Amino acid sequence: VGWRPPSPHPPVPTPLLPPAGSQLPCFHGSSTIRNLKERFHMNMTEEQLQLLIEQMVDGSMRSITTKLYDGFQYLTNGIM
């Protein structure tokens, strides 16, 4: 929640901004900013966002894919 600025615009790190005249399809059309706002959940209150994050973390902790990925990281990189 700490990354959310008071501005209604999502934060976009400078390296992610497209160069002038970019032909990359991900930067074309009006959907780019809308998609960023959706990804950063700019339409939610702080309380709603905190609840969503808690649900996402809880779901991840119970997920078999998380456990499998953690095991893979441990075996290949010694990361737990």
PDB file of N, CA and C in Angstrom:
ATOM      1  N   VAL A   1       0.844  -1.184   0.000  1.00  0.00           N
ATOM      2  CA  VAL A   1       0.000   0.000   0.000  1.00  0.00           C
ATOM      3  C   VAL A   1       0.882   1.237   0.000  1.00  0.00           C
ATOM      4  N   GLY A   2       2.097   1.112   0.532  1.00  0.00           N
ATOM      5  CA  GLY A   2       2.986   2.250   0.619  1.00  0.00           C
ATOM      6  C   GLY A   2       3.424   2.805  -0.721  1.00  0.00           C
ATOM      7  N   TRP A   3       3.343   2.040  -1.783  1.00  0.00           N
ATOM      8  CA  TRP A   3       3.778   2.506  -3.101  1.00  0.00           C
ATOM      9  C   TRP A   3       2.752   3.381  -3.761  1.00  0.00           C
ATOM     10  N   ARG A   4       1.520   3.376  -3.264  1.00  0.00           N
ATOM     11  CA  ARG A   4       0.456   4.128  -3.935  1.00  0.00           C
ATOM     12  C   ARG A   4       0.619   5.616  -3.682  1.00  0.00           C
ATOM     13  N   PRO A   5       0.743   6.370  -4.738  1.00  0.00           N
ATOM     14  CA  PRO A   5       0.885   7.820  -4.586  1.00  0.00           C
ATOM     15  C   PRO A   5      -0.470   8.464  -4.331  1.00  0.00           C
ATOM     16  N   PRO A   6      -0.482   9.689  -3.808  1.00  0.00           N
ATOM     17  CA  PRO A   6      -1.750  10.386  -3.629  1.00  0.00           C
ATOM     18  C   PRO A   6      -2.373  10.788  -4.964  1.00  0.00           C
ATOM     19  N   SER A   7      -1.588  10.747  -6.012  1.00  0.00           N
ATOM     20  CA  SER A   7      -2.066  11.109  -7.343  1.00  0.00           C
ATOM     21  C   SER A   7      -2.993  10.028  -7.884  1.00  0.00           C
ATOM     22  N   PRO A   8      -3.981  10.394  -8.708  1.00  0.00           N
ATOM     23  CA  PRO A   8      -4.847   9.380  -9.308  1.00  0.00           C
ATOM     24  C   PRO A   8      -4.170   8.617 -10.439  1.00  0.00           C
ATOM     25  N   HIS A   9      -2.949   9.007 -10.781  1.00  0.00           N
ATOM     26  CA  HIS A   9      -2.228   8.352 -11.871  1.00  0.00           C
ATOM     27  C   HIS A   9      -1.281   7.306 -11.298  1.00  0.00           C
ATOM     28  N   PRO A  10      -1.209   6.137 -11.914  1.00  0.00           N
ATOM     29  CA  PRO A  10      -0.312   5.103 -11.398  1.00  0.00           C
ATOM     30  C   PRO A  10       1.143   5.500 -11.588  1.00  0.00           C
ATOM     31  N   PRO A  11       2.008   5.038 -10.681  1.00  0.00           N
ATOM     32  CA  PRO A  11       3.432   5.339 -10.853  1.00  0.00           C
ATOM     33  C   PRO A  11       3.983   4.565 -12.038  1.00  0.00           C
ATOM     34  N   VAL A  12       4.727   5.222 -12.870  1.00  0.00           N
ATOM     35  CA  VAL A  12       5.350   4.565 -14.017  1.00  0.00           C
ATOM     36  C   VAL A  12       6.830   4.917 -13.984  1.00  0.00           C
ATOM     37  N   PRO A  13       7.689   3.931 -13.626  1.00  0.00           N
ATOM     38  CA  PRO A  13       9.124   4.216 -13.613  1.00  0.00           C
ATOM     39  C   PRO A  13       9.589   4.668 -14.993  1.00  0.00           C
ATOM     40  N   THR A  14      10.473   5.628 -15.016  1.00  0.00           N
ATOM     41  CA  THR A  14      10.948   6.202 -16.270  1.00  0.00           C
ATOM     42  C   THR A  14      11.428   5.157 -17.269  1.00  0.00           C
ATOM     43  N   PRO A  15      12.162   4.116 -16.847  1.00  0.00           N
ATOM     44  CA  PRO A  15      12.598   3.126 -17.844  1.00  0.00           C
ATOM     45  C   PRO A  15      11.441   2.398 -18.519  1.00  0.00           C
ATOM     46  N   LEU A  16      10.250   2.421 -17.923  1.00  0.00           N
ATOM     47  CA  LEU A  16       9.108   1.745 -18.526  1.00  0.00           C
ATOM     48  C   LEU A  16       8.360   2.620 -19.514  1.00  0.00           C
ATOM     49  N   LEU A  17       8.661   3.900 -19.526  1.00  0.00           N
ATOM     50  CA  LEU A  17       7.986   4.783 -20.460  1.00  0.00           C
ATOM     51  C   LEU A  17       8.497   4.503 -21.866  1.00  0.00           C
ATOM     52  N   PRO A  18       7.602   4.453 -22.828  1.00  0.00           N
ATOM     53  CA  PRO A  18       8.041   4.127 -24.188  1.00  0.00           C
ATOM     54  C   PRO A  18       8.806   5.280 -24.821  1.00  0.00           C
ATOM     55  N   PRO A  19       9.792   4.960 -25.636  1.00  0.00           N
ATOM     56  CA  PRO A  19      10.468   6.021 -26.373  1.00  0.00           C
ATOM     57  C   PRO A  19       9.499   6.645 -27.373  1.00  0.00           C
ATOM     58  N   ALA A  20       9.742   7.875 -27.722  1.00  0.00           N
ATOM     59  CA  ALA A  20       8.874   8.569 -28.684  1.00  0.00           C
ATOM     60  C   ALA A  20       8.767   7.744 -29.958  1.00  0.00           C
ATOM     61  N   GLY A  21       7.556   7.568 -30.439  1.00  0.00           N
ATOM     62  CA  GLY A  21       7.332   6.814 -31.663  1.00  0.00           C
ATOM     63  C   GLY A  21       7.480   5.313 -31.513  1.00  0.00           C
ATOM     64  N   SER A  22       7.387   4.821 -30.290  1.00  0.00           N
ATOM     65  CA  SER A  22       7.553   3.390 -30.051  1.00  0.00           C
ATOM     66  C   SER A  22       6.541   2.581 -30.851  1.00  0.00           C
ATOM     67  N   GLN A  23       7.004   1.488 -31.424  1.00  0.00           N
ATOM     68  CA  GLN A  23       6.133   0.595 -32.175  1.00  0.00           C
ATOM     69  C   GLN A  23       5.693  -0.607 -31.333  1.00  0.00           C
ATOM     70  N   LEU A  24       6.083  -0.616 -30.066  1.00  0.00           N
ATOM     71  CA  LEU A  24       5.704  -1.732 -29.206  1.00  0.00           C
ATOM     72  C   LEU A  24       4.195  -1.725 -28.985  1.00  0.00           C
ATOM     73  N   PRO A  25       3.513  -2.822 -29.278  1.00  0.00           N
ATOM     74  CA  PRO A  25       2.057  -2.849 -29.163  1.00  0.00           C
ATOM     75  C   PRO A  25       1.556  -2.618 -27.741  1.00  0.00           C
ATOM     76  N   CYS A  26       2.367  -2.952 -26.738  1.00  0.00           N
ATOM     77  CA  CYS A  26       1.905  -2.781 -25.359  1.00  0.00           C
ATOM     78  C   CYS A  26       1.753  -1.310 -24.985  1.00  0.00           C
ATOM     79  N   PHE A  27       2.318  -0.398 -25.776  1.00  0.00           N
ATOM     80  CA  PHE A  27       2.202   1.031 -25.488  1.00  0.00           C
ATOM     81  C   PHE A  27       1.228   1.738 -26.420  1.00  0.00           C
ATOM     82  N   HIS A  28       0.525   0.996 -27.241  1.00  0.00           N
ATOM     83  CA  HIS A  28      -0.411   1.606 -28.185  1.00  0.00           C
ATOM     84  C   HIS A  28      -1.812   1.666 -27.596  1.00  0.00           C
ATOM     85  N   GLY A  29      -2.525   2.700 -27.936  1.00  0.00           N
ATOM     86  CA  GLY A  29      -3.922   2.811 -27.545  1.00  0.00           C
ATOM     87  C   GLY A  29      -4.106   3.353 -26.141  1.00  0.00           C
ATOM     88  N   SER A  30      -5.340   3.653 -25.846  1.00  0.00           N
ATOM     89  CA  SER A  30      -5.662   4.245 -24.547  1.00  0.00           C
ATOM     90  C   SER A  30      -5.705   3.206 -23.437  1.00  0.00           C
ATOM     91  N   SER A  31      -5.583   1.949 -23.780  1.00  0.00           N
ATOM     92  CA  SER A  31      -5.694   0.906 -22.760  1.00  0.00           C
ATOM     93  C   SER A  31      -4.455   0.807 -21.874  1.00  0.00           C
ATOM     94  N   THR A  32      -3.340   1.368 -22.278  1.00  0.00           N
ATOM     95  CA  THR A  32      -2.104   1.240 -21.505  1.00  0.00           C
ATOM     96  C   THR A  32      -2.267   1.796 -20.104  1.00  0.00           C
ATOM     97  N   ILE A  33      -2.680   3.044 -19.985  1.00  0.00           N
ATOM     98  CA  ILE A  33      -2.843   3.662 -18.666  1.00  0.00           C
ATOM     99  C   ILE A  33      -3.968   2.981 -17.901  1.00  0.00           C
ATOM    100  N   ARG A  34      -5.055   2.640 -18.593  1.00  0.00           N
ATOM    101  CA  ARG A  34      -6.169   1.962 -17.921  1.00  0.00           C
ATOM    102  C   ARG A  34      -5.693   0.631 -17.334  1.00  0.00           C
ATOM    103  N   ASN A  35      -4.907  -0.110 -18.099  1.00  0.00           N
ATOM    104  CA  ASN A  35      -4.397  -1.392 -17.607  1.00  0.00           C
ATOM    105  C   ASN A  35      -3.474  -1.208 -16.410  1.00  0.00           C
ATOM    106  N   LEU A  36      -2.645  -0.163 -16.430  1.00  0.00           N
ATOM    107  CA  LEU A  36      -1.785   0.110 -15.276  1.00  0.00           C
ATOM    108  C   LEU A  36      -2.615   0.450 -14.048  1.00  0.00           C
ATOM    109  N   LYS A  37      -3.649   1.267 -14.228  1.00  0.00           N
ATOM    110  CA  LYS A  37      -4.519   1.623 -13.104  1.00  0.00           C
ATOM    111  C   LYS A  37      -5.190   0.377 -12.533  1.00  0.00           C
ATOM    112  N   GLU A  38      -5.624  -0.534 -13.418  1.00  0.00           N
ATOM    113  CA  GLU A  38      -6.235  -1.777 -12.948  1.00  0.00           C
ATOM    114  C   GLU A  38      -5.223  -2.625 -12.190  1.00  0.00           C
ATOM    115  N   ARG A  39      -4.019  -2.724 -12.725  1.00  0.00           N
ATOM    116  CA  ARG A  39      -2.994  -3.541 -12.073  1.00  0.00           C
ATOM    117  C   ARG A  39      -2.625  -2.994 -10.698  1.00  0.00           C
ATOM    118  N   PHE A  40      -2.605  -1.664 -10.566  1.00  0.00           N
ATOM    119  CA  PHE A  40      -2.271  -1.044  -9.289  1.00  0.00           C
ATOM    120  C   PHE A  40      -3.496  -0.823  -8.411  1.00  0.00           C
ATOM    121  N   HIS A  41      -4.677  -1.260  -8.865  1.00  0.00           N
ATOM    122  CA  HIS A  41      -5.923  -1.163  -8.096  1.00  0.00           C
ATOM    123  C   HIS A  41      -6.178   0.261  -7.610  1.00  0.00           C
ATOM    124  N   MET A  42      -6.022   1.207  -8.523  1.00  0.00           N
ATOM    125  CA  MET A  42      -6.182   2.618  -8.170  1.00  0.00           C
ATOM    126  C   MET A  42      -7.624   2.974  -7.806  1.00  0.00           C
ATOM    127  N   ASN A  43      -8.571   2.104  -8.124  1.00  0.00           N
ATOM    128  CA  ASN A  43      -9.971   2.378  -7.826  1.00  0.00           C
ATOM    129  C   ASN A  43     -10.360   1.959  -6.408  1.00  0.00           C
ATOM    130  N   MET A  44      -9.455   1.340  -5.672  1.00  0.00           N
ATOM    131  CA  MET A  44      -9.762   0.845  -4.328  1.00  0.00           C
ATOM    132  C   MET A  44      -9.308   1.823  -3.258  1.00  0.00           C
ATOM    133  N   THR A  45     -10.014   1.778  -2.131  1.00  0.00           N
ATOM    134  CA  THR A  45      -9.584   2.552  -0.966  1.00  0.00           C
ATOM    135  C   THR A  45      -8.394   1.831  -0.337  1.00  0.00           C
ATOM    136  N   GLU A  46      -7.722   2.496   0.592  1.00  0.00           N
ATOM    137  CA  GLU A  46      -6.596   1.872   1.294  1.00  0.00           C
ATOM    138  C   GLU A  46      -7.052   0.595   1.998  1.00  0.00           C
ATOM    139  N   GLU A  47      -8.220   0.662   2.638  1.00  0.00           N
ATOM    140  CA  GLU A  47      -8.731  -0.489   3.380  1.00  0.00           C
ATOM    141  C   GLU A  47      -9.049  -1.653   2.440  1.00  0.00           C
ATOM    142  N   GLN A  48      -9.676  -1.359   1.314  1.00  0.00           N
ATOM    143  CA  GLN A  48      -9.992  -2.404   0.338  1.00  0.00           C
ATOM    144  C   GLN A  48      -8.718  -3.037  -0.204  1.00  0.00           C
ATOM    145  N   LEU A  49      -7.721  -2.204  -0.468  1.00  0.00           N
ATOM    146  CA  LEU A  49      -6.460  -2.708  -0.999  1.00  0.00           C
ATOM    147  C   LEU A  49      -5.747  -3.582   0.028  1.00  0.00           C
ATOM    148  N   GLN A  50      -5.750  -3.171   1.287  1.00  0.00           N
ATOM    149  CA  GLN A  50      -5.116  -3.981   2.326  1.00  0.00           C
ATOM    150  C   GLN A  50      -5.778  -5.351   2.431  1.00  0.00           C
ATOM    151  N   LEU A  51      -7.110  -5.382   2.362  1.00  0.00           N
ATOM    152  CA  LEU A  51      -7.831  -6.653   2.419  1.00  0.00           C
ATOM    153  C   LEU A  51      -7.480  -7.524   1.208  1.00  0.00           C
ATOM    154  N   LEU A  52      -7.445  -6.925   0.027  1.00  0.00           N
ATOM    155  CA  LEU A  52      -7.090  -7.666  -1.188  1.00  0.00           C
ATOM    156  C   LEU A  52      -5.688  -8.255  -1.077  1.00  0.00           C
ATOM    157  N   ILE A  53      -4.739  -7.468  -0.605  1.00  0.00           N
ATOM    158  CA  ILE A  53      -3.359  -7.939  -0.478  1.00  0.00           C
ATOM    159  C   ILE A  53      -3.282  -9.089   0.518  1.00  0.00           C
ATOM    160  N   GLU A  54      -3.982  -8.965   1.650  1.00  0.00           N
ATOM    161  CA  GLU A  54      -3.997 -10.046   2.635  1.00  0.00           C
ATOM    162  C   GLU A  54      -4.579 -11.320   2.028  1.00  0.00           C
ATOM    163  N   GLN A  55      -5.650 -11.190   1.250  1.00  0.00           N
ATOM    164  CA  GLN A  55      -6.256 -12.353   0.602  1.00  0.00           C
ATOM    165  C   GLN A  55      -5.300 -12.973  -0.415  1.00  0.00           C
ATOM    166  N   MET A  56      -4.590 -12.138  -1.154  1.00  0.00           N
ATOM    167  CA  MET A  56      -3.642 -12.644  -2.148  1.00  0.00           C
ATOM    168  C   MET A  56      -2.491 -13.391  -1.472  1.00  0.00           C
ATOM    169  N   VAL A  57      -1.969 -12.833  -0.383  1.00  0.00           N
ATOM    170  CA  VAL A  57      -0.866 -13.476   0.340  1.00  0.00           C
ATOM    171  C   VAL A  57      -1.340 -14.785   0.956  1.00  0.00           C
ATOM    172  N   ASP A  58      -2.513 -14.765   1.602  1.00  0.00           N
ATOM    173  CA  ASP A  58      -3.049 -15.994   2.196  1.00  0.00           C
ATOM    174  C   ASP A  58      -3.249 -17.070   1.137  1.00  0.00           C
ATOM    175  N   GLY A  59      -3.813 -16.688   0.001  1.00  0.00           N
ATOM    176  CA  GLY A  59      -4.024 -17.645  -1.081  1.00  0.00           C
ATOM    177  C   GLY A  59      -2.721 -18.207  -1.604  1.00  0.00           C
ATOM    178  N   SER A  60      -1.722 -17.358  -1.708  1.00  0.00           N
ATOM    179  CA  SER A  60      -0.416 -17.794  -2.191  1.00  0.00           C
ATOM    180  C   SER A  60       0.239 -18.759  -1.209  1.00  0.00           C
ATOM    181  N   MET A  61       0.102 -18.470   0.074  1.00  0.00           N
ATOM    182  CA  MET A  61       0.718 -19.329   1.090  1.00  0.00           C
ATOM    183  C   MET A  61       0.100 -20.730   1.101  1.00  0.00           C
ATOM    184  N   ARG A  62      -1.162 -20.842   0.728  1.00  0.00           N
ATOM    185  CA  ARG A  62      -1.847 -22.135   0.707  1.00  0.00           C
ATOM    186  C   ARG A  62      -1.738 -22.841  -0.647  1.00  0.00           C
ATOM    187  N   SER A  63      -1.174 -22.185  -1.626  1.00  0.00           N
ATOM    188  CA  SER A  63      -1.145 -22.716  -2.989  1.00  0.00           C
ATOM    189  C   SER A  63      -0.068 -23.779  -3.164  1.00  0.00           C
ATOM    190  N   ILE A  64      -0.433 -24.859  -3.816  1.00  0.00           N
ATOM    191  CA  ILE A  64       0.536 -25.918  -4.112  1.00  0.00           C
ATOM    192  C   ILE A  64       1.616 -25.408  -5.063  1.00  0.00           C
ATOM    193  N   THR A  65       1.255 -24.502  -5.968  1.00  0.00           N
ATOM    194  CA  THR A  65       2.262 -24.000  -6.908  1.00  0.00           C
ATOM    195  C   THR A  65       3.320 -23.169  -6.189  1.00  0.00           C
ATOM    196  N   THR A  66       2.921 -22.465  -5.134  1.00  0.00           N
ATOM    197  CA  THR A  66       3.904 -21.717  -4.342  1.00  0.00           C
ATOM    198  C   THR A  66       4.869 -22.682  -3.678  1.00  0.00           C
ATOM    199  N   LYS A  67       4.337 -23.739  -3.103  1.00  0.00           N
ATOM    200  CA  LYS A  67       5.187 -24.727  -2.438  1.00  0.00           C
ATOM    201  C   LYS A  67       6.132 -25.395  -3.441  1.00  0.00           C
ATOM    202  N   LEU A  68       5.618 -25.722  -4.621  1.00  0.00           N
ATOM    203  CA  LEU A  68       6.466 -26.328  -5.648  1.00  0.00           C
ATOM    204  C   LEU A  68       7.562 -25.367  -6.098  1.00  0.00           C
ATOM    205  N   TYR A  69       7.209 -24.109  -6.297  1.00  0.00           N
ATOM    206  CA  TYR A  69       8.199 -23.123  -6.730  1.00  0.00           C
ATOM    207  C   TYR A  69       9.245 -22.896  -5.638  1.00  0.00           C
ATOM    208  N   ASP A  70       8.810 -22.825  -4.385  1.00  0.00           N
ATOM    209  CA  ASP A  70       9.763 -22.670  -3.283  1.00  0.00           C
ATOM    210  C   ASP A  70      10.727 -23.851  -3.240  1.00  0.00           C
ATOM    211  N   GLY A  71      10.203 -25.061  -3.453  1.00  0.00           N
ATOM    212  CA  GLY A  71      11.060 -26.244  -3.479  1.00  0.00           C
ATOM    213  C   GLY A  71      12.058 -26.191  -4.621  1.00  0.00           C
ATOM    214  N   PHE A  72      11.600 -25.749  -5.779  1.00  0.00           N
ATOM    215  CA  PHE A  72      12.482 -25.600  -6.935  1.00  0.00           C
ATOM    216  C   PHE A  72      13.593 -24.594  -6.633  1.00  0.00           C
ATOM    217  N   GLN A  73      13.236 -23.456  -6.056  1.00  0.00           N
ATOM    218  CA  GLN A  73      14.235 -22.438  -5.724  1.00  0.00           C
ATOM    219  C   GLN A  73      15.246 -22.979  -4.715  1.00  0.00           C
ATOM    220  N   TYR A  74      14.766 -23.750  -3.752  1.00  0.00           N
ATOM    221  CA  TYR A  74      15.666 -24.306  -2.753  1.00  0.00           C
ATOM    222  C   TYR A  74      16.643 -25.293  -3.394  1.00  0.00           C
ATOM    223  N   LEU A  75      16.117 -26.176  -4.236  1.00  0.00           N
ATOM    224  CA  LEU A  75      16.973 -27.184  -4.864  1.00  0.00           C
ATOM    225  C   LEU A  75      17.964 -26.581  -5.850  1.00  0.00           C
ATOM    226  N   THR A  76      17.545 -25.588  -6.609  1.00  0.00           N
ATOM    227  CA  THR A  76      18.417 -25.050  -7.658  1.00  0.00           C
ATOM    228  C   THR A  76      19.297 -23.900  -7.199  1.00  0.00           C
ATOM    229  N   ASN A  77      18.828 -23.138  -6.212  1.00  0.00           N
ATOM    230  CA  ASN A  77      19.570 -21.934  -5.815  1.00  0.00           C
ATOM    231  C   ASN A  77      19.863 -21.842  -4.324  1.00  0.00           C
ATOM    232  N   GLY A  78      19.375 -22.798  -3.548  1.00  0.00           N
ATOM    233  CA  GLY A  78      19.581 -22.737  -2.104  1.00  0.00           C
ATOM    234  C   GLY A  78      18.767 -21.644  -1.437  1.00  0.00           C
ATOM    235  N   ILE A  79      17.725 -21.170  -2.127  1.00  0.00           N
ATOM    236  CA  ILE A  79      16.889 -20.093  -1.593  1.00  0.00           C
ATOM    237  C   ILE A  79      15.655 -20.707  -0.962  1.00  0.00           C
ATOM    238  N   MET A  80      15.369 -20.327   0.251  1.00  0.00           N
ATOM    239  CA  MET A  80      14.161 -20.829   0.905  1.00  0.00           C
ATOM    240  C   MET A  80      13.226 -19.705   1.223  1.00  0.00           C
TER     241      MET A  80
END
